[in-house]
Protein backbone atom coordinates (compact mmCIF):
# COMPACT_ATOMS: atom_id res chain seq x y z
CA UNK A 1 -44.72 44.54 -21.78
CA UNK A 2 -42.87 41.17 -23.30
CA UNK A 3 -39.58 42.68 -22.43
CA UNK A 4 -40.01 43.14 -19.01
CA UNK A 5 -41.64 39.89 -18.52
CA UNK A 6 -38.78 37.63 -20.07
CA UNK A 7 -36.43 39.41 -17.59
CA UNK A 8 -38.37 38.81 -14.36
CA UNK A 9 -37.45 34.71 -16.46
CA UNK A 10 -34.11 35.68 -15.79
CA UNK A 11 -33.44 37.44 -12.40
CA UNK A 12 -33.91 34.56 -9.47
CA UNK A 13 -31.62 31.25 -12.33
CA UNK A 14 -27.77 31.98 -12.66
CA UNK A 15 -27.66 27.88 -13.99
CA UNK A 16 -28.66 28.81 -16.91
CA UNK A 17 -25.07 31.11 -17.02
CA UNK A 18 -22.54 29.29 -15.81
CA UNK A 19 -22.79 26.47 -18.30
CA UNK A 20 -21.12 27.48 -22.03
CA UNK A 21 -21.81 26.52 -25.74
CA UNK A 22 -18.55 25.42 -27.97
CA UNK A 23 -17.12 23.85 -31.04
CA UNK A 24 -14.36 22.74 -32.04
CA UNK A 25 -13.15 22.40 -35.50
CA UNK A 26 -11.70 18.53 -35.53
CA UNK A 27 -11.32 16.68 -38.08
CA UNK A 28 -12.34 13.33 -38.52
CA UNK A 29 -9.11 10.24 -38.72
CA UNK A 30 -12.25 8.47 -40.47
CA UNK A 31 -12.99 10.63 -43.56
CA UNK A 32 -10.11 12.51 -43.37
CA UNK A 33 -12.55 15.58 -43.52
CA UNK A 34 -13.56 18.38 -40.11
CA UNK A 35 -16.44 17.72 -38.46
CA UNK A 36 -17.58 20.18 -35.69
CA UNK A 37 -17.46 19.72 -31.89
CA UNK A 38 -20.11 21.07 -29.90
CA UNK A 39 -21.29 20.27 -26.50
CA UNK A 40 -22.35 22.76 -23.79
CA UNK A 41 -19.58 22.99 -20.62
CA UNK A 42 -19.24 24.68 -17.33
CA UNK A 43 -18.03 28.57 -17.89
CA UNK A 44 -14.74 27.20 -14.90
CA UNK A 45 -13.85 24.05 -17.54
CA UNK A 46 -13.48 26.04 -21.51
CA UNK A 47 -9.53 26.27 -21.22
CA UNK A 48 -9.60 22.29 -20.70
CA UNK A 49 -11.92 21.59 -23.69
CA UNK A 50 -9.90 23.63 -26.24
CA UNK A 51 -6.62 22.28 -24.84
CA UNK A 52 -7.24 18.70 -24.39
């Protein structure tokens, strides 16, 4: 019964699926350690995030 209730919440909205969480490892200019750069971007902009 719970699976059906959860599934009905996702039927009408496709906005949540239009975004992807992307994580890029970048080197910090101050310390030289690696940090993780996390963003929520639209699915069409994923390639541009990793290039730029």
